[in-house]
Structure formats: C-alpha cells, structure tokens
Amino acid sequence: MDIIKAVEQDNLRNAYSEVDVGDYVKMYLRIKEGARERVQLFEGYVIARKGSGLSETIKVRRLSYGVGVERTLPVHSPNIDRIEVVRKGKIRRAKLYYLRDRVGKAAKITEKLAKRS
C-alpha cells in the first residue's frame, strides 16, 4: 500500500482544498481542438465532492438556457487550469442533489457571511 501512496503523491496536481460543496465556482478547463488548445470557462455550484487522493472528483452544476448541465471532473486532472471561488455557500448537506428538482430562486444557495476579526 505504501507503493501505491508514493505513486499517487507524484501525480497529485491540484489541491483546491478551499473549494467546498455549496460554493459558486469558475472552472477554467483546457480544451484541445485538433492542434490548438484553448481555455473554456465553466461556472456553477459545486453539488458534490467524492473520493480522496488521486481519485477525488468534484461535480459542478449550472443552468444553460434553462437546461441543467452537470460536469464531473477529477480534482487532480491536468485539464483543469484553475478554479476560482466566486461565492462561499451556506449549506448543511454533503451532497446537494436536491437542487436538480428546483428552478429559479428556489435553486439559489445563500451566501456564507465572512467572519469578523
């Protein structure tokens, strides 16, 4: 098992420990089109985080022209350029799959207020 952990440590790329479930994020993804490579923006709510180590995944949901679009990506994927947290969400669940059934304002997540120092 130590050999597997050692190999995984070499391939761990992105930490993104500040990204939690309920956050509204902007994900910059590298897309290859033939010989060209470009960066595509995908933004939405993080509705799930799953796994650990090299197999950890993140699921992001957005509404595109009234249709819900979900994207599941490995956190340590080389296709992720960077992730920006736009808003921190105030939630009490580990998985937010109930948002799939909601439309409009009901699908919004309240923003977590910053702590005062």
N, C-alpha and C. Protein backbone atom coordinates (compact mmCIF):
# COMPACT_ATOMS: atom_id res chain seq x y z
N MET A 1 0.82 -1.20 0.00
CA MET A 1 0.00 0.00 0.00
C MET A 1 0.86 1.27 0.00
N ASP A 2 2.05 1.21 0.59
CA ASP A 2 2.91 2.38 0.60
C ASP A 2 3.40 2.72 -0.79
N ILE A 3 3.56 1.72 -1.64
CA ILE A 3 3.99 1.96 -3.02
C ILE A 3 2.90 2.72 -3.78
N ILE A 4 1.66 2.32 -3.55
CA ILE A 4 0.54 2.99 -4.22
C ILE A 4 0.45 4.44 -3.78
N LYS A 5 0.60 4.69 -2.48
CA LYS A 5 0.55 6.06 -1.98
C LYS A 5 1.69 6.89 -2.54
N ALA A 6 2.86 6.29 -2.68
CA ALA A 6 4.01 7.02 -3.22
C ALA A 6 3.78 7.40 -4.67
N VAL A 7 3.20 6.50 -5.46
CA VAL A 7 2.91 6.80 -6.86
C VAL A 7 1.83 7.88 -6.95
N GLU A 8 0.82 7.81 -6.09
CA GLU A 8 -0.24 8.82 -6.09
C GLU A 8 0.31 10.19 -5.73
N GLN A 9 1.23 10.27 -4.78
CA GLN A 9 1.79 11.55 -4.38
C GLN A 9 2.50 12.25 -5.55
N ASP A 10 3.12 11.47 -6.42
CA ASP A 10 3.79 12.05 -7.58
C ASP A 10 2.80 12.65 -8.57
N ASN A 11 1.59 12.08 -8.64
CA ASN A 11 0.60 12.52 -9.62
C ASN A 11 -0.40 13.53 -9.08
N LEU A 12 -0.39 13.78 -7.77
CA LEU A 12 -1.30 14.78 -7.21
C LEU A 12 -0.88 16.14 -7.75
N ARG A 13 -1.86 16.85 -8.33
CA ARG A 13 -1.51 18.07 -9.04
C ARG A 13 -2.10 19.29 -8.37
N ASN A 14 -3.39 19.31 -8.20
CA ASN A 14 -4.10 20.49 -7.70
C ASN A 14 -4.67 20.19 -6.32
N ALA A 15 -4.52 21.10 -5.39
CA ALA A 15 -5.04 20.89 -4.04
C ALA A 15 -6.52 21.28 -3.98
N TYR A 16 -6.82 22.52 -4.27
CA TYR A 16 -8.20 23.05 -4.24
C TYR A 16 -8.93 22.66 -2.96
N SER A 17 -8.26 22.75 -1.83
CA SER A 17 -8.90 22.42 -0.56
C SER A 17 -9.89 23.50 -0.14
N GLU A 18 -9.77 24.72 -0.72
CA GLU A 18 -10.68 25.80 -0.36
C GLU A 18 -12.04 25.67 -1.04
N VAL A 19 -12.18 24.78 -2.01
CA VAL A 19 -13.44 24.58 -2.71
C VAL A 19 -14.29 23.57 -1.94
N ASP A 20 -15.45 24.02 -1.48
CA ASP A 20 -16.34 23.16 -0.71
C ASP A 20 -17.67 23.00 -1.44
N VAL A 21 -18.47 22.07 -0.99
CA VAL A 21 -19.81 21.87 -1.54
C VAL A 21 -20.64 23.11 -1.20
N GLY A 22 -21.40 23.60 -2.17
CA GLY A 22 -22.22 24.78 -1.98
C GLY A 22 -21.59 26.05 -2.51
N ASP A 23 -20.32 26.00 -2.88
CA ASP A 23 -19.64 27.18 -3.41
C ASP A 23 -20.00 27.39 -4.88
N TYR A 24 -20.03 28.65 -5.28
CA TYR A 24 -20.21 29.00 -6.69
C TYR A 24 -18.82 29.24 -7.25
N VAL A 25 -18.42 28.46 -8.23
CA VAL A 25 -17.03 28.48 -8.71
C VAL A 25 -16.97 28.76 -10.21
N LYS A 26 -15.82 29.26 -10.63
CA LYS A 26 -15.47 29.38 -12.05
C LYS A 26 -14.35 28.39 -12.29
N MET A 27 -14.59 27.44 -13.20
CA MET A 27 -13.58 26.45 -13.54
C MET A 27 -13.05 26.77 -14.93
N TYR A 28 -11.75 26.90 -15.04
CA TYR A 28 -11.10 27.16 -16.32
C TYR A 28 -10.53 25.83 -16.80
N LEU A 29 -11.09 25.30 -17.89
CA LEU A 29 -10.74 23.98 -18.40
C LEU A 29 -9.97 24.10 -19.70
N ARG A 30 -8.92 23.30 -19.83
CA ARG A 30 -8.16 23.26 -21.08
C ARG A 30 -8.86 22.32 -22.05
N ILE A 31 -9.15 22.83 -23.25
CA ILE A 31 -9.83 22.06 -24.28
C ILE A 31 -8.89 21.95 -25.48
N LYS A 32 -8.69 20.72 -25.97
CA LYS A 32 -7.87 20.54 -27.18
C LYS A 32 -8.79 20.36 -28.37
N GLU A 33 -8.54 21.17 -29.39
CA GLU A 33 -9.29 21.08 -30.65
C GLU A 33 -8.28 20.92 -31.77
N GLY A 34 -8.02 19.69 -32.13
CA GLY A 34 -7.01 19.43 -33.14
C GLY A 34 -5.63 19.75 -32.59
N ALA A 35 -4.93 20.67 -33.26
CA ALA A 35 -3.60 21.06 -32.80
C ALA A 35 -3.65 22.22 -31.82
N ARG A 36 -4.79 22.91 -31.77
CA ARG A 36 -4.92 24.08 -30.90
C ARG A 36 -5.38 23.69 -29.52
N GLU A 37 -5.06 24.53 -28.55
CA GLU A 37 -5.53 24.35 -27.18
C GLU A 37 -6.07 25.68 -26.69
N ARG A 38 -7.23 25.65 -26.05
CA ARG A 38 -7.82 26.88 -25.52
C ARG A 38 -8.35 26.61 -24.12
N VAL A 39 -8.70 27.68 -23.42
CA VAL A 39 -9.24 27.57 -22.07
C VAL A 39 -10.71 27.94 -22.12
N GLN A 40 -11.56 27.06 -21.60
CA GLN A 40 -13.01 27.27 -21.59
C GLN A 40 -13.48 27.48 -20.16
N LEU A 41 -14.39 28.42 -19.96
CA LEU A 41 -14.92 28.72 -18.64
C LEU A 41 -16.18 27.91 -18.40
N PHE A 42 -16.27 27.28 -17.23
CA PHE A 42 -17.48 26.57 -16.81
C PHE A 42 -17.74 27.01 -15.38
N GLU A 43 -18.88 27.66 -15.15
CA GLU A 43 -19.17 28.13 -13.79
C GLU A 43 -20.49 27.59 -13.30
N GLY A 44 -20.56 27.35 -12.00
CA GLY A 44 -21.77 26.83 -11.40
C GLY A 44 -21.53 26.46 -9.95
N TYR A 45 -22.54 25.82 -9.35
CA TYR A 45 -22.47 25.42 -7.95
C TYR A 45 -21.82 24.05 -7.82
N VAL A 46 -20.96 23.91 -6.83
CA VAL A 46 -20.38 22.61 -6.51
C VAL A 46 -21.45 21.85 -5.72
N ILE A 47 -21.96 20.74 -6.29
CA ILE A 47 -23.02 20.00 -5.61
C ILE A 47 -22.51 18.72 -4.95
N ALA A 48 -21.27 18.32 -5.25
CA ALA A 48 -20.73 17.11 -4.62
C ALA A 48 -19.22 17.08 -4.73
N ARG A 49 -18.60 16.50 -3.71
CA ARG A 49 -17.18 16.14 -3.72
C ARG A 49 -17.12 14.69 -3.28
N LYS A 50 -16.33 13.90 -3.96
CA LYS A 50 -16.34 12.46 -3.72
C LYS A 50 -14.94 11.89 -3.82
N GLY A 51 -14.62 10.94 -2.97
CA GLY A 51 -13.35 10.25 -3.06
C GLY A 51 -12.24 10.97 -2.33
N SER A 52 -11.05 10.40 -2.45
CA SER A 52 -9.87 11.02 -1.83
C SER A 52 -8.65 10.64 -2.66
N GLY A 53 -7.59 11.37 -2.44
CA GLY A 53 -6.36 11.09 -3.17
C GLY A 53 -6.49 11.39 -4.65
N LEU A 54 -5.94 10.53 -5.45
CA LEU A 54 -5.91 10.73 -6.90
C LEU A 54 -7.29 10.57 -7.53
N SER A 55 -8.19 9.81 -6.90
CA SER A 55 -9.50 9.54 -7.47
C SER A 55 -10.57 10.52 -7.00
N GLU A 56 -10.19 11.61 -6.36
CA GLU A 56 -11.17 12.58 -5.87
C GLU A 56 -11.81 13.33 -7.03
N THR A 57 -13.14 13.45 -7.00
CA THR A 57 -13.87 14.14 -8.06
C THR A 57 -14.71 15.26 -7.48
N ILE A 58 -15.07 16.19 -8.35
CA ILE A 58 -15.90 17.33 -7.99
C ILE A 58 -17.01 17.43 -9.05
N LYS A 59 -18.25 17.68 -8.60
CA LYS A 59 -19.38 17.77 -9.52
C LYS A 59 -19.93 19.20 -9.47
N VAL A 60 -19.95 19.86 -10.63
CA VAL A 60 -20.39 21.25 -10.74
C VAL A 60 -21.64 21.30 -11.60
N ARG A 61 -22.65 22.05 -11.14
CA ARG A 61 -23.93 22.16 -11.85
C ARG A 61 -24.22 23.61 -12.20
N ARG A 62 -24.74 23.80 -13.40
CA ARG A 62 -25.17 25.12 -13.85
C ARG A 62 -26.42 24.98 -14.70
N LEU A 63 -27.11 26.08 -14.91
CA LEU A 63 -28.25 26.11 -15.83
C LEU A 63 -27.79 26.79 -17.11
N SER A 64 -27.99 26.12 -18.23
CA SER A 64 -27.61 26.66 -19.52
C SER A 64 -28.85 26.68 -20.41
N TYR A 65 -29.36 27.86 -20.67
CA TYR A 65 -30.57 28.04 -21.48
C TYR A 65 -31.73 27.23 -20.93
N GLY A 66 -31.88 27.22 -19.61
CA GLY A 66 -32.99 26.53 -18.97
C GLY A 66 -32.79 25.05 -18.78
N VAL A 67 -31.67 24.52 -19.18
CA VAL A 67 -31.38 23.09 -19.05
C VAL A 67 -30.24 22.92 -18.05
N GLY A 68 -30.41 22.03 -17.09
CA GLY A 68 -29.37 21.78 -16.10
C GLY A 68 -28.23 20.98 -16.71
N VAL A 69 -27.00 21.45 -16.50
CA VAL A 69 -25.81 20.78 -17.02
C VAL A 69 -24.88 20.50 -15.84
N GLU A 70 -24.49 19.24 -15.70
CA GLU A 70 -23.57 18.87 -14.63
C GLU A 70 -22.29 18.32 -15.25
N ARG A 71 -21.20 18.65 -14.60
CA ARG A 71 -19.91 18.19 -15.09
C ARG A 71 -19.14 17.60 -13.92
N THR A 72 -18.69 16.36 -14.07
CA THR A 72 -17.91 15.69 -13.04
C THR A 72 -16.47 15.61 -13.53
N LEU A 73 -15.57 16.17 -12.73
CA LEU A 73 -14.17 16.20 -13.13
C LEU A 73 -13.29 15.73 -11.99
N PRO A 74 -12.22 15.00 -12.30
CA PRO A 74 -11.24 14.67 -11.26
C PRO A 74 -10.55 15.95 -10.79
N VAL A 75 -10.39 16.10 -9.50
CA VAL A 75 -9.77 17.31 -8.94
C VAL A 75 -8.33 17.45 -9.42
N HIS A 76 -7.64 16.35 -9.58
CA HIS A 76 -6.23 16.38 -9.96
C HIS A 76 -6.02 16.22 -11.47
N SER A 77 -7.03 16.53 -12.25
CA SER A 77 -6.95 16.41 -13.70
C SER A 77 -6.02 17.47 -14.28
N PRO A 78 -5.20 17.11 -15.25
CA PRO A 78 -4.38 18.13 -15.92
C PRO A 78 -5.20 19.04 -16.82
N ASN A 79 -6.46 18.69 -17.08
CA ASN A 79 -7.33 19.52 -17.91
C ASN A 79 -7.88 20.73 -17.17
N ILE A 80 -7.76 20.77 -15.85
CA ILE A 80 -8.22 21.91 -15.07
C ILE A 80 -7.07 22.91 -14.98
N ASP A 81 -7.29 24.09 -15.54
CA ASP A 81 -6.27 25.14 -15.49
C ASP A 81 -6.25 25.76 -14.10
N ARG A 82 -7.43 26.22 -13.64
CA ARG A 82 -7.56 26.76 -12.28
C ARG A 82 -9.03 26.82 -11.90
N ILE A 83 -9.29 26.97 -10.60
CA ILE A 83 -10.64 27.10 -10.08
C ILE A 83 -10.68 28.33 -9.20
N GLU A 84 -11.63 29.23 -9.47
CA GLU A 84 -11.83 30.42 -8.66
C GLU A 84 -13.13 30.30 -7.90
N VAL A 85 -13.10 30.57 -6.61
CA VAL A 85 -14.32 30.57 -5.80
C VAL A 85 -14.91 31.98 -5.87
N VAL A 86 -16.15 32.08 -6.40
CA VAL A 86 -16.82 33.37 -6.52
C VAL A 86 -17.56 33.68 -5.23
N ARG A 87 -18.35 32.71 -4.74
CA ARG A 87 -19.11 32.87 -3.50
C ARG A 87 -19.02 31.59 -2.68
N LYS A 88 -18.91 31.74 -1.37
CA LYS A 88 -18.96 30.59 -0.47
C LYS A 88 -20.43 30.38 -0.09
N GLY A 89 -20.88 29.13 -0.13
CA GLY A 89 -22.27 28.83 0.16
C GLY A 89 -22.48 28.38 1.59
N LYS A 90 -23.65 28.71 2.13
CA LYS A 90 -24.03 28.30 3.49
C LYS A 90 -24.99 27.11 3.34
N ILE A 91 -24.49 25.92 3.62
CA ILE A 91 -25.29 24.71 3.44
C ILE A 91 -25.13 23.80 4.64
N ARG A 92 -26.01 22.78 4.72
CA ARG A 92 -25.94 21.82 5.81
C ARG A 92 -25.98 20.39 5.30
N ARG A 93 -25.62 20.19 4.05
CA ARG A 93 -25.63 18.86 3.44
C ARG A 93 -24.29 18.60 2.77
N ALA A 94 -23.94 17.33 2.64
CA ALA A 94 -22.71 16.97 1.95
C ALA A 94 -22.93 16.89 0.44
N LYS A 95 -24.12 16.51 0.02
CA LYS A 95 -24.47 16.41 -1.40
C LYS A 95 -25.72 17.26 -1.64
N LEU A 96 -25.71 18.04 -2.69
CA LEU A 96 -26.82 18.95 -2.98
C LEU A 96 -27.62 18.50 -4.19
N TYR A 97 -27.92 17.21 -4.26
CA TYR A 97 -28.66 16.68 -5.40
C TYR A 97 -30.09 17.19 -5.46
N TYR A 98 -30.62 17.70 -4.34
CA TYR A 98 -31.99 18.22 -4.33
C TYR A 98 -32.13 19.47 -5.21
N LEU A 99 -31.02 20.10 -5.58
CA LEU A 99 -31.09 21.28 -6.45
C LEU A 99 -31.53 20.93 -7.86
N ARG A 100 -31.43 19.65 -8.22
CA ARG A 100 -31.85 19.22 -9.57
C ARG A 100 -33.34 19.43 -9.79
N ASP A 101 -34.13 19.34 -8.73
CA ASP A 101 -35.58 19.46 -8.85
C ASP A 101 -36.07 20.90 -8.70
N ARG A 102 -35.19 21.81 -8.41
CA ARG A 102 -35.60 23.19 -8.14
C ARG A 102 -35.28 24.09 -9.32
N VAL A 103 -36.10 25.15 -9.46
CA VAL A 103 -35.96 26.08 -10.57
C VAL A 103 -35.99 27.50 -10.01
N GLY A 104 -35.26 28.41 -10.62
CA GLY A 104 -35.31 29.82 -10.27
C GLY A 104 -34.69 30.12 -8.92
N LYS A 105 -35.39 30.96 -8.13
CA LYS A 105 -34.84 31.38 -6.84
C LYS A 105 -34.74 30.24 -5.85
N ALA A 106 -35.55 29.22 -6.02
CA ALA A 106 -35.51 28.07 -5.11
C ALA A 106 -34.20 27.30 -5.26
N ALA A 107 -33.54 27.45 -6.40
CA ALA A 107 -32.29 26.74 -6.65
C ALA A 107 -31.07 27.53 -6.17
N LYS A 108 -31.28 28.69 -5.58
CA LYS A 108 -30.17 29.51 -5.10
C LYS A 108 -29.70 29.00 -3.75
N ILE A 109 -28.43 29.20 -3.48
CA ILE A 109 -27.83 28.86 -2.20
C ILE A 109 -27.44 30.16 -1.52
N THR A 110 -27.80 30.30 -0.24
CA THR A 110 -27.48 31.54 0.47
C THR A 110 -25.97 31.65 0.67
N GLU A 111 -25.49 32.87 0.68
CA GLU A 111 -24.06 33.11 0.78
C GLU A 111 -23.62 33.10 2.24
N LYS A 112 -22.47 32.48 2.48
CA LYS A 112 -21.90 32.46 3.83
C LYS A 112 -21.26 33.81 4.11
N LEU A 113 -21.60 34.39 5.24
CA LEU A 113 -21.02 35.69 5.59
C LEU A 113 -19.62 35.49 6.12
N ALA A 114 -18.75 36.44 5.83
CA ALA A 114 -17.36 36.36 6.29
C ALA A 114 -17.30 36.61 7.79
N LYS A 115 -16.35 35.94 8.45
CA LYS A 115 -16.18 36.13 9.89
C LYS A 115 -15.56 37.49 10.18
N ARG A 116 -16.02 38.09 11.27
CA ARG A 116 -15.44 39.36 11.68
C ARG A 116 -14.20 39.10 12.52
N SER A 117 -13.18 39.93 12.34
CA SER A 117 -11.97 39.74 13.13
C SER A 117 -11.83 40.75 14.22
